[in-house]
N, C-alpha and C. Protein backbone atom coordinates (compact mmCIF):
# COMPACT_ATOMS: atom_id res chain seq x y z
N MET A 1 -16.41 2.64 -17.01
CA MET A 1 -15.03 2.45 -16.47
C MET A 1 -15.08 3.11 -15.14
N SER A 2 -14.41 2.42 -14.09
CA SER A 2 -14.34 3.10 -12.72
C SER A 2 -13.32 4.05 -12.68
N LYS A 3 -13.31 4.82 -11.59
CA LYS A 3 -12.24 5.95 -11.54
C LYS A 3 -10.88 5.16 -11.38
N LYS A 4 -10.73 4.06 -10.66
CA LYS A 4 -9.43 3.31 -10.58
C LYS A 4 -8.93 2.82 -11.95
N GLU A 5 -9.86 2.42 -12.75
CA GLU A 5 -9.47 1.93 -14.06
C GLU A 5 -9.08 3.15 -14.95
N GLU A 6 -9.59 4.35 -14.78
CA GLU A 6 -9.11 5.54 -15.44
C GLU A 6 -7.79 5.81 -15.02
N GLN A 7 -7.46 5.70 -13.73
CA GLN A 7 -6.26 6.35 -13.12
C GLN A 7 -5.13 5.24 -13.30
N GLY A 8 -5.49 3.98 -13.44
CA GLY A 8 -4.62 2.76 -13.50
C GLY A 8 -4.11 2.50 -12.16
N VAL A 9 -2.96 2.05 -12.03
CA VAL A 9 -2.44 1.58 -10.52
C VAL A 9 -1.71 2.95 -9.93
N VAL A 10 -2.20 3.17 -8.76
CA VAL A 10 -1.74 4.27 -7.88
C VAL A 10 -1.02 3.93 -6.74
N CYS A 11 -0.11 4.61 -6.12
CA CYS A 11 0.53 4.48 -4.85
C CYS A 11 -0.54 4.70 -3.88
N LEU A 12 -0.60 3.64 -2.83
CA LEU A 12 -1.66 3.86 -1.84
C LEU A 12 -1.34 4.95 -0.89
N SER A 13 -0.15 5.40 -0.81
CA SER A 13 0.16 6.43 0.02
C SER A 13 -0.02 7.78 -0.54
N CYS A 14 0.70 8.07 -1.76
CA CYS A 14 0.57 9.40 -2.19
C CYS A 14 -0.40 9.57 -3.41
N GLY A 15 -0.78 8.53 -3.97
CA GLY A 15 -1.75 8.54 -5.06
C GLY A 15 -1.06 8.80 -6.37
N ARG A 16 0.30 8.68 -6.50
CA ARG A 16 1.00 8.91 -7.76
C ARG A 16 0.48 7.73 -8.66
N SER A 17 0.37 7.98 -9.97
CA SER A 17 -0.04 6.99 -10.98
C SER A 17 1.15 6.25 -11.44
N GLU A 18 1.05 5.01 -11.84
CA GLU A 18 2.09 4.26 -12.43
C GLU A 18 2.52 4.84 -13.79
N SER A 19 1.80 5.63 -14.37
CA SER A 19 2.05 6.15 -15.67
C SER A 19 3.07 7.32 -15.41
N ASP A 20 3.12 7.90 -14.23
CA ASP A 20 4.09 8.82 -13.90
C ASP A 20 5.38 8.61 -13.21
N PHE A 21 5.12 7.45 -12.36
CA PHE A 21 6.08 7.04 -11.40
C PHE A 21 6.15 5.57 -11.22
N PRO A 22 7.33 4.86 -11.02
CA PRO A 22 7.21 3.50 -10.70
C PRO A 22 6.47 3.01 -9.45
N VAL A 23 5.79 2.02 -9.38
CA VAL A 23 5.26 1.54 -8.19
C VAL A 23 5.58 -0.01 -8.01
N ILE A 24 5.64 -0.34 -6.85
CA ILE A 24 5.95 -1.61 -6.25
C ILE A 24 4.73 -2.31 -5.78
N VAL A 25 4.56 -3.63 -6.12
CA VAL A 25 3.35 -4.46 -5.82
C VAL A 25 3.52 -5.08 -4.47
N LEU A 26 2.51 -4.91 -3.64
CA LEU A 26 2.48 -5.67 -2.26
C LEU A 26 1.44 -6.60 -2.31
N ARG A 27 1.69 -7.84 -2.26
CA ARG A 27 0.62 -9.06 -2.14
C ARG A 27 0.62 -9.85 -0.83
N LEU A 28 -0.44 -10.17 -0.30
CA LEU A 28 -0.50 -11.07 0.79
C LEU A 28 -1.95 -11.79 0.76
N ALA A 29 -1.95 -12.97 0.87
CA ALA A 29 -3.39 -13.65 0.89
C ALA A 29 -4.21 -13.31 -0.04
N GLY A 30 -3.78 -13.09 -1.25
CA GLY A 30 -4.88 -12.56 -2.34
C GLY A 30 -5.06 -11.14 -2.51
N HIS A 31 -4.68 -10.27 -1.47
CA HIS A 31 -4.79 -8.90 -1.55
C HIS A 31 -3.70 -8.28 -2.10
N GLU A 32 -4.00 -7.19 -2.84
CA GLU A 32 -2.84 -6.45 -3.63
C GLU A 32 -2.90 -4.83 -3.30
N ALA A 33 -1.75 -4.44 -3.00
CA ALA A 33 -1.72 -2.83 -3.00
C ALA A 33 -0.45 -2.50 -3.80
N HIS A 34 -0.42 -1.18 -3.98
CA HIS A 34 0.87 -0.70 -4.67
C HIS A 34 1.46 0.52 -4.00
N ILE A 35 2.74 0.58 -3.99
CA ILE A 35 3.39 1.77 -3.22
C ILE A 35 4.54 2.19 -4.01
N CYS A 36 4.83 3.52 -4.00
CA CYS A 36 6.03 4.10 -4.89
C CYS A 36 7.22 3.99 -3.98
N PRO A 37 8.37 4.06 -4.75
CA PRO A 37 9.58 3.88 -3.87
C PRO A 37 9.82 5.00 -2.89
N GLN A 38 9.29 6.21 -3.22
CA GLN A 38 9.34 7.45 -2.25
C GLN A 38 8.58 7.11 -1.02
N CYS A 39 7.54 6.39 -1.11
CA CYS A 39 6.64 6.13 0.14
C CYS A 39 7.09 4.83 0.90
N LEU A 40 7.90 3.96 0.27
CA LEU A 40 8.15 2.76 0.85
C LEU A 40 8.89 2.70 2.05
N PRO A 41 9.67 3.73 2.47
CA PRO A 41 10.34 3.83 3.80
C PRO A 41 9.22 4.21 4.84
N ALA A 42 8.03 4.80 4.52
CA ALA A 42 7.09 4.96 5.68
C ALA A 42 6.36 3.77 5.93
N LEU A 43 6.23 3.04 4.77
CA LEU A 43 5.70 1.58 5.07
C LEU A 43 6.50 0.74 5.95
N ILE A 44 7.77 0.81 5.70
CA ILE A 44 8.74 0.03 6.44
C ILE A 44 8.81 0.41 7.84
N HIS A 45 9.15 1.63 8.12
CA HIS A 45 9.37 2.23 9.45
C HIS A 45 8.23 2.84 10.19
N HIS A 46 7.08 3.11 9.62
CA HIS A 46 5.97 3.53 10.23
C HIS A 46 4.68 3.07 9.64
N PRO A 47 4.52 1.80 9.58
CA PRO A 47 3.20 1.12 8.88
C PRO A 47 2.03 1.58 9.66
N ASP A 48 2.01 1.97 10.77
CA ASP A 48 0.86 2.36 11.39
C ASP A 48 0.22 3.76 10.77
N ARG A 49 1.15 4.39 10.18
CA ARG A 49 0.50 5.57 9.44
C ARG A 49 -0.21 5.35 8.18
N LEU A 50 -0.01 4.12 7.62
CA LEU A 50 -0.58 3.71 6.50
C LEU A 50 -1.74 2.67 6.60
N THR A 51 -2.05 2.33 8.02
CA THR A 51 -3.07 1.24 8.10
C THR A 51 -4.36 1.46 7.49
N GLU A 52 -4.96 2.74 7.66
CA GLU A 52 -6.29 2.86 7.05
C GLU A 52 -6.09 2.95 5.41
N LYS A 53 -5.06 3.38 4.92
CA LYS A 53 -4.92 3.28 3.58
C LYS A 53 -4.78 1.71 3.04
N LEU A 54 -4.15 0.91 3.86
CA LEU A 54 -4.00 -0.47 3.52
C LEU A 54 -5.38 -1.18 3.45
N ILE A 55 -6.09 -0.83 4.62
CA ILE A 55 -7.49 -1.47 4.78
C ILE A 55 -8.36 -0.92 3.45
N ALA A 56 -8.30 0.30 3.19
CA ALA A 56 -9.08 0.73 2.07
C ALA A 56 -8.63 0.25 0.79
N ALA A 57 -7.41 -0.32 0.68
CA ALA A 57 -6.79 -0.89 -0.61
C ALA A 57 -7.26 -2.43 -0.53
N GLY A 58 -7.93 -3.02 0.41
CA GLY A 58 -8.44 -4.21 0.40
C GLY A 58 -7.93 -5.23 1.46
N TRP A 59 -6.94 -4.79 2.25
CA TRP A 59 -6.44 -5.61 3.30
C TRP A 59 -7.54 -5.90 4.30
N GLU A 60 -7.37 -6.92 4.96
CA GLU A 60 -8.38 -7.38 6.12
C GLU A 60 -8.44 -6.16 7.02
N SER A 61 -9.67 -6.03 7.78
CA SER A 61 -9.94 -4.96 8.74
C SER A 61 -9.09 -5.37 9.97
N GLY A 62 -8.71 -4.60 10.81
CA GLY A 62 -7.82 -4.84 11.93
C GLY A 62 -6.39 -4.25 11.52
N THR A 63 -5.42 -4.86 12.23
CA THR A 63 -3.96 -4.53 11.99
C THR A 63 -3.51 -5.19 10.71
N PRO A 64 -2.96 -4.47 9.82
CA PRO A 64 -2.49 -5.14 8.53
C PRO A 64 -1.40 -6.01 8.99
N PRO A 65 -0.95 -7.09 8.30
CA PRO A 65 0.27 -7.89 8.54
C PRO A 65 1.44 -7.04 8.68
N LEU A 66 1.59 -6.13 7.91
CA LEU A 66 2.77 -5.28 7.77
C LEU A 66 3.01 -4.56 8.99
N ALA A 67 2.03 -4.15 9.79
CA ALA A 67 2.15 -3.48 10.98
C ALA A 67 2.23 -4.29 12.29
N ARG A 68 2.24 -5.56 12.25
CA ARG A 68 2.32 -6.38 13.31
C ARG A 68 3.93 -6.51 13.72
N PRO A 69 4.17 -6.43 15.01
CA PRO A 69 5.49 -6.62 15.56
C PRO A 69 5.91 -8.04 15.17
N THR A 70 7.27 -8.27 14.71
CA THR A 70 7.70 -9.51 14.38
C THR A 70 8.66 -10.09 15.24
N GLY A 71 9.16 -9.22 16.23
CA GLY A 71 10.05 -9.63 17.18
C GLY A 71 11.56 -9.55 16.75
N HIS A 72 11.69 -9.26 15.42
CA HIS A 72 13.11 -9.11 14.86
C HIS A 72 13.44 -7.80 14.60
N HIS A 73 14.46 -7.22 15.22
CA HIS A 73 14.83 -5.90 15.04
C HIS A 73 16.37 -5.86 15.09
């Protein structure tokens, strides 16, 4: 059993386990990551702070889609 399987699903930012705290699923183009509600504002307002963690969670290398400017503010 891998370490991830032993821990279950964890927040990509703080590492909290879903067994201790709720997590939200993020999916795009077949990739999946999880984030807890406490860390969600950081993903929304400062996605650049989570870029390396998103890439480590399986997102494509380069700028994750959530960090790209959309032109809508």
